Amino acid sequence: MLTKTTERVLFVLIVLLVYGPTLVLAQTQQPNADRPKITEEELDTHFELARSLAQEKKFEQALKEYLLVFDNSRDVAKYGGVRLSYVPSEIASIGRVYPPAILALQSRRDEREKLVLAAKADFDVLHELTSLNEHLNEPERNLVLFDKLKTLGPAYSDLREDMLRLIWEQLAAARRYDDLKDTVDELAKQVASQIAESAVNNDFPDNSVLSSTEYQGYLRRSIIEDGARVYETLLGLGKAEKADKLAKWMFTFSSDGEMYAQLINGAINAKRIDIASNLVERATKTLRRTEDLRLVREAAQRLPKVK
């Protein structure tokens, strides 16, 4: 069986043979400090063109436009989320049939990784790196790099803290609770702040984006999913009292089946079967909607069977 390293080397060699000229372009279109800054309007034009070309299966031209947007949009406020989500996601999508797109993402990821290890990266570089790993379907590289940073000296302390903030969900999902012991209280406060923000926006709506249906939907997902991760981490660290306080905040936001199911799963992951069982019992007594009860039953199936 080939190792991952061997597989990647073979992949690169094949792509070099088939797509050599295009690959050179993809690898070299990096940000240039001497290049005139691009405007938001110009980025919009290139982004729409990239999507249009991708739909027409003109992948070489599409990749060029996508990379232009990615490489030149860091300082354009509107593109903060776009360049770290839609752009690499769509590049990875065309990469499934056009391998130079994957190599273009990998080269940018590798360059940022080198900057991090040389202690020459800022938060933006770290954010780009973790995002690229996600869209390359290599999230484990984030954990490997984080572990490497933990072994390095004081010059890397800020980078370690920044990376922790960026990958805390991964650490929680990997049940590496100890890595989050110094951060978990602050994470709990952030969830509570989001709950308060949602209440304010609901009680005093205005015409801003914060009161929009889209943003409220995002806030709900963040509160339920991130809140459950923090709840799990608190339990995993033996902070059951604080976990209970956080759960009370979350139930004031929503006490439906989805919320219960997420908290039940979190308690099971943290091996607090007693707390998970109590949540199931509470949910069964208080919930009435069929869909809510179904979600709770599905979560309860992960509980150990009583012999």
Protein backbone atom coordinates (compact mmCIF):
# COMPACT_ATOMS: atom_id res chain seq x y z
CA MET A 1 0.00 0.00 0.00
CA LEU A 2 1.32 3.44 -0.94
CA THR A 3 1.93 5.94 1.81
CA LYS A 4 0.25 9.34 1.61
CA THR A 5 3.62 10.92 0.82
CA THR A 6 4.27 8.50 -2.05
CA GLU A 7 0.76 9.00 -3.41
CA ARG A 8 1.20 12.77 -3.40
CA VAL A 9 4.59 12.54 -5.18
CA LEU A 10 3.08 10.36 -7.90
CA PHE A 11 0.12 12.72 -8.22
CA VAL A 12 2.44 15.71 -8.67
CA LEU A 13 4.57 13.90 -11.26
CA ILE A 14 1.52 12.93 -13.32
CA VAL A 15 0.12 16.45 -13.24
CA LEU A 16 3.49 17.90 -14.22
CA LEU A 17 3.56 15.69 -17.28
CA VAL A 18 0.01 16.42 -18.38
CA TYR A 19 -0.51 20.02 -17.30
CA GLY A 20 3.00 21.44 -17.13
CA PRO A 21 2.46 24.94 -18.66
CA THR A 22 -0.77 25.56 -16.78
CA LEU A 23 0.81 24.41 -13.53
CA VAL A 24 3.61 26.94 -13.86
CA LEU A 25 1.01 29.70 -14.12
CA ALA A 26 -0.98 28.35 -11.16
CA GLN A 27 2.10 28.12 -8.96
CA THR A 28 3.45 31.56 -9.75
CA GLN A 29 0.38 33.79 -9.51
CA GLN A 30 1.15 34.82 -5.93
CA PRO A 31 0.51 38.22 -4.34
CA ASN A 32 2.94 40.91 -5.43
CA ALA A 33 3.57 43.93 -3.26
CA ASP A 34 4.38 46.02 -6.35
CA ARG A 35 1.13 45.14 -8.09
CA PRO A 36 -1.54 47.88 -8.06
CA LYS A 37 -4.29 47.13 -5.55
CA ILE A 38 -7.40 45.69 -7.12
CA THR A 39 -10.81 47.19 -6.41
CA GLU A 40 -13.88 45.43 -5.08
CA GLU A 41 -15.63 45.98 -8.40
CA GLU A 42 -12.75 44.40 -10.30
CA LEU A 43 -12.77 41.42 -7.96
CA ASP A 44 -16.51 41.00 -8.52
CA THR A 45 -15.91 40.94 -12.27
CA HIS A 46 -13.14 38.35 -12.05
CA PHE A 47 -15.08 36.18 -9.61
CA GLU A 48 -18.18 36.09 -11.80
CA LEU A 49 -16.01 35.37 -14.83
CA ALA A 50 -14.32 32.50 -12.99
CA ARG A 51 -17.69 30.96 -12.17
CA SER A 52 -18.92 31.39 -15.71
CA LEU A 53 -15.79 29.79 -17.16
CA ALA A 54 -16.04 26.90 -14.71
CA GLN A 55 -19.64 26.26 -15.76
CA GLU A 56 -18.45 26.20 -19.37
CA LYS A 57 -15.76 23.69 -18.32
CA LYS A 58 -13.01 26.08 -19.39
CA PHE A 59 -11.03 25.10 -16.34
CA GLU A 60 -7.65 26.56 -17.22
CA GLN A 61 -9.10 30.05 -17.71
CA ALA A 62 -11.41 29.64 -14.72
CA LEU A 63 -8.50 28.71 -12.45
CA LYS A 64 -6.57 31.77 -13.54
CA GLU A 65 -9.49 34.02 -12.60
CA TYR A 66 -10.14 32.27 -9.28
CA LEU A 67 -6.49 32.57 -8.29
CA LEU A 68 -6.43 36.23 -9.24
CA VAL A 69 -9.29 36.78 -6.79
CA PHE A 70 -7.70 34.69 -4.04
CA ASP A 71 -4.25 36.23 -4.39
CA ASN A 72 -5.42 39.84 -4.47
CA SER A 73 -8.43 40.13 -2.16
CA ARG A 74 -6.94 39.98 1.33
CA ASP A 75 -7.22 43.73 1.88
CA VAL A 76 -10.74 44.05 0.43
CA ALA A 77 -13.16 43.90 3.37
CA LYS A 78 -16.10 42.43 1.47
CA TYR A 79 -13.99 39.48 0.33
CA GLY A 80 -12.80 38.44 3.78
CA GLY A 81 -15.20 35.50 3.95
CA VAL A 82 -15.48 34.91 0.20
CA ARG A 83 -11.76 34.30 -0.35
CA LEU A 84 -11.60 31.80 2.51
CA SER A 85 -14.79 29.92 1.66
CA TYR A 86 -16.36 30.21 -1.77
CA VAL A 87 -13.14 30.77 -3.73
CA PRO A 88 -11.08 27.82 -2.42
CA SER A 89 -14.20 25.65 -2.34
CA GLU A 90 -14.91 26.29 -6.01
CA ILE A 91 -11.24 25.83 -6.93
CA ALA A 92 -11.26 22.47 -5.13
CA SER A 93 -14.46 21.58 -6.97
CA ILE A 94 -12.93 22.06 -10.41
CA GLY A 95 -9.85 20.28 -9.10
CA ARG A 96 -11.82 17.05 -9.08
CA VAL A 97 -11.59 17.04 -12.89
CA TYR A 98 -8.69 19.47 -13.40
CA PRO A 99 -5.74 18.53 -11.13
CA PRO A 100 -3.76 21.80 -11.50
CA ALA A 101 -6.46 23.46 -9.39
CA ILE A 102 -5.60 21.19 -6.45
CA LEU A 103 -1.90 21.81 -6.88
CA ALA A 104 -2.50 25.56 -6.94
CA LEU A 105 -4.23 25.32 -3.55
CA GLN A 106 -1.53 23.03 -2.19
CA SER A 107 1.27 25.37 -3.24
CA ARG A 108 -0.41 28.29 -1.50
CA ARG A 109 -1.00 26.17 1.59
CA ASP A 110 2.62 24.99 1.63
CA GLU A 111 3.96 28.52 1.26
CA ARG A 112 1.92 29.67 4.24
CA GLU A 113 3.02 26.67 6.27
CA LYS A 114 6.65 27.63 5.66
CA LEU A 115 5.94 31.17 6.87
CA VAL A 116 4.36 29.83 10.05
CA LEU A 117 7.28 27.54 10.83
CA ALA A 118 9.67 30.43 10.20
CA ALA A 119 7.69 32.59 12.68
CA LYS A 120 6.94 35.04 9.86
CA ALA A 121 3.17 34.58 9.70
CA ASP A 122 0.38 36.80 10.98
CA PHE A 123 -3.22 35.86 11.79
CA ASP A 124 -4.31 36.31 8.16
CA VAL A 125 -1.70 33.82 6.96
CA LEU A 126 -2.76 31.32 9.63
CA HIS A 127 -6.42 31.76 8.73
CA GLU A 128 -5.65 31.19 5.06
CA LEU A 129 -3.61 28.11 5.91
CA THR A 130 -6.29 26.46 8.03
CA SER A 131 -8.95 27.29 5.44
CA LEU A 132 -6.88 25.82 2.60
CA ASN A 133 -6.34 22.61 4.58
CA GLU A 134 -10.08 22.36 5.09
CA HIS A 135 -10.88 22.79 1.40
CA LEU A 136 -8.10 20.40 0.42
CA ASN A 137 -9.76 17.88 2.72
CA GLU A 138 -6.60 17.67 4.81
CA PRO A 139 -7.76 19.10 8.16
CA GLU A 140 -5.42 16.77 10.03
CA ARG A 141 -2.53 18.97 8.87
CA ASN A 142 -3.87 21.72 11.12
CA LEU A 143 -3.50 19.48 14.15
CA VAL A 144 -0.04 18.33 13.08
CA LEU A 145 1.11 21.93 12.68
CA PHE A 146 -0.46 22.95 16.00
CA ASP A 147 1.40 20.13 17.75
CA LYS A 148 4.62 21.25 16.08
CA LEU A 149 4.09 24.82 17.31
CA LYS A 150 3.63 23.52 20.85
CA THR A 151 7.21 22.23 20.77
CA LEU A 152 8.71 25.53 19.66
CA GLY A 153 9.87 28.42 21.82
CA PRO A 154 8.54 31.81 22.98
CA ALA A 155 8.82 33.33 19.48
CA TYR A 156 5.86 31.15 18.50
CA SER A 157 3.58 31.88 21.46
CA ASP A 158 1.33 34.32 19.57
CA LEU A 159 1.08 31.92 16.63
CA ARG A 160 0.09 29.10 18.98
CA GLU A 161 -2.65 31.20 20.53
CA ASP A 162 -3.94 32.35 17.14
CA MET A 163 -3.99 28.82 15.77
CA LEU A 164 -5.79 27.57 18.85
CA ARG A 165 -8.57 30.10 18.20
CA LEU A 166 -8.81 28.98 14.58
CA ILE A 167 -8.92 25.22 15.14
CA TRP A 168 -10.57 24.87 18.54
CA GLU A 169 -13.53 23.09 16.93
CA GLN A 170 -11.15 20.48 15.50
CA LEU A 171 -9.51 20.01 18.87
CA ALA A 172 -12.90 19.56 20.52
CA ALA A 173 -14.01 17.11 17.82
CA ALA A 174 -10.80 15.14 18.40
CA ARG A 175 -11.62 15.19 22.15
CA ARG A 176 -8.36 16.94 22.91
CA TYR A 177 -9.95 18.77 25.78
CA ASP A 178 -6.71 19.48 27.63
CA ASP A 179 -5.52 21.67 24.76
CA LEU A 180 -8.56 23.88 25.42
CA LYS A 181 -8.41 24.06 29.22
CA ASP A 182 -7.09 27.63 29.25
CA THR A 183 -9.53 28.80 26.58
CA VAL A 184 -12.79 27.03 27.30
CA ASP A 185 -14.18 29.64 29.71
CA GLU A 186 -13.69 32.36 27.13
CA LEU A 187 -15.35 30.16 24.50
CA ALA A 188 -18.34 29.69 26.83
CA LYS A 189 -18.60 33.46 27.23
CA GLN A 190 -18.62 33.87 23.46
CA VAL A 191 -21.56 31.47 23.14
CA ALA A 192 -23.44 33.35 25.87
CA SER A 193 -22.69 36.64 24.09
CA GLN A 194 -24.13 35.25 20.85
CA ILE A 195 -27.29 34.22 22.71
CA ALA A 196 -27.61 37.73 24.14
CA GLU A 197 -26.99 39.22 20.70
CA SER A 198 -29.74 37.09 19.20
CA ALA A 199 -32.19 38.17 21.89
CA VAL A 200 -31.40 41.85 21.31
CA ASN A 201 -31.78 41.51 17.55
CA ASN A 202 -35.12 39.73 17.98
CA ASP A 203 -36.49 42.23 20.50
CA PHE A 204 -35.18 45.34 18.77
CA PRO A 205 -34.98 44.52 15.05
CA ASP A 206 -33.73 47.07 12.55
CA ASN A 207 -32.88 47.09 8.87
CA SER A 208 -29.27 45.99 9.33
CA VAL A 209 -27.87 42.64 8.24
CA LEU A 210 -27.80 41.57 11.91
CA SER A 211 -31.61 41.35 11.87
CA SER A 212 -31.79 39.50 8.56
CA THR A 213 -33.16 35.98 8.33
CA GLU A 214 -29.85 34.78 6.90
CA TYR A 215 -27.78 36.14 9.78
CA GLN A 216 -30.22 34.85 12.38
CA GLY A 217 -29.99 31.42 10.77
CA TYR A 218 -26.20 31.58 10.93
CA LEU A 219 -26.36 32.68 14.57
CA ARG A 220 -28.66 29.79 15.47
CA ARG A 221 -26.33 27.24 13.88
CA SER A 222 -23.32 28.76 15.60
CA ILE A 223 -24.99 28.83 19.02
CA ILE A 224 -26.22 25.25 18.82
CA GLU A 225 -23.18 23.63 17.21
CA ASP A 226 -20.39 25.65 18.82
CA GLY A 227 -22.24 25.75 22.10
CA ALA A 228 -22.49 21.97 22.14
CA ARG A 229 -18.74 21.68 21.45
CA VAL A 230 -17.94 24.02 24.33
CA TYR A 231 -20.41 22.17 26.57
CA GLU A 232 -18.71 18.88 25.71
CA THR A 233 -15.26 20.34 26.38
CA LEU A 234 -16.33 21.67 29.79
CA LEU A 235 -17.64 18.22 30.72
CA GLY A 236 -14.49 16.58 29.35
CA LEU A 237 -12.39 18.83 31.57
CA GLY A 238 -14.46 18.00 34.64
CA LYS A 239 -16.17 21.40 34.76
CA ALA A 240 -19.71 20.04 35.07
CA GLU A 241 -21.00 23.06 37.02
CA LYS A 242 -19.93 25.48 34.30
CA ALA A 243 -21.27 23.12 31.65
CA ASP A 244 -24.65 23.20 33.38
CA LYS A 245 -24.60 27.01 33.44
CA LEU A 246 -23.86 27.08 29.72
CA ALA A 247 -26.68 24.60 29.04
CA LYS A 248 -29.11 26.91 30.88
CA TRP A 249 -28.07 29.78 28.62
CA MET A 250 -28.53 27.58 25.56
CA PHE A 251 -31.97 26.40 26.65
CA THR A 252 -33.08 30.00 27.06
CA PHE A 253 -32.19 30.41 23.40
CA SER A 254 -33.89 27.22 22.24
CA SER A 255 -35.16 24.11 23.98
CA ASP A 256 -36.12 22.12 20.89
CA GLY A 257 -35.05 18.63 19.85
CA GLU A 258 -32.01 19.81 17.95
CA MET A 259 -30.61 21.58 21.00
CA TYR A 260 -31.22 18.61 23.25
CA ALA A 261 -29.71 16.20 20.71
CA GLN A 262 -26.53 18.24 20.37
CA LEU A 263 -26.05 18.48 24.14
CA ILE A 264 -26.80 14.77 24.59
CA ASN A 265 -24.18 13.89 21.98
CA GLY A 266 -21.71 16.23 23.64
CA ALA A 267 -22.22 14.59 27.03
CA ILE A 268 -21.80 11.13 25.51
CA ASN A 269 -18.59 12.19 23.75
CA ALA A 270 -17.25 13.47 27.07
CA LYS A 271 -18.19 10.12 28.65
CA ARG A 272 -20.68 11.73 31.02
CA ILE A 273 -23.36 9.11 30.47
CA ASP A 274 -25.18 10.19 33.63
CA ILE A 275 -25.65 13.72 32.31
CA ALA A 276 -26.62 12.47 28.86
CA SER A 277 -29.25 10.16 30.37
CA ASN A 278 -30.68 13.00 32.44
CA LEU A 279 -30.95 15.17 29.32
CA VAL A 280 -32.77 12.38 27.48
CA GLU A 281 -35.21 11.97 30.36
CA ARG A 282 -35.81 15.71 30.57
CA ALA A 283 -36.34 16.02 26.83
CA THR A 284 -38.76 13.08 26.74
CA LYS A 285 -40.87 14.70 29.46
CA THR A 286 -40.96 18.22 28.02
CA LEU A 287 -40.91 17.91 24.22
CA ARG A 288 -44.10 17.29 22.27
CA ARG A 289 -43.30 17.69 18.56
CA THR A 290 -42.68 14.40 16.73
CA GLU A 291 -39.59 15.74 14.99
CA ASP A 292 -38.07 16.96 18.26
CA LEU A 293 -38.60 13.58 19.91
CA ARG A 294 -37.12 11.80 16.89
CA LEU A 295 -33.90 13.81 17.16
CA VAL A 296 -33.63 13.00 20.86
CA ARG A 297 -34.23 9.28 20.24
CA GLU A 298 -31.51 9.22 17.60
CA ALA A 299 -29.04 10.83 19.99
CA ALA A 300 -30.09 8.47 22.79
CA GLN A 301 -29.21 5.45 20.63
CA ARG A 302 -25.55 6.20 21.34
CA LEU A 303 -26.04 5.61 25.05
CA PRO A 304 -24.57 2.32 26.33
CA LYS A 305 -27.14 -0.44 26.54
CA VAL A 306 -28.20 -1.31 30.07
CA LYS A 307 -27.52 -4.98 30.74
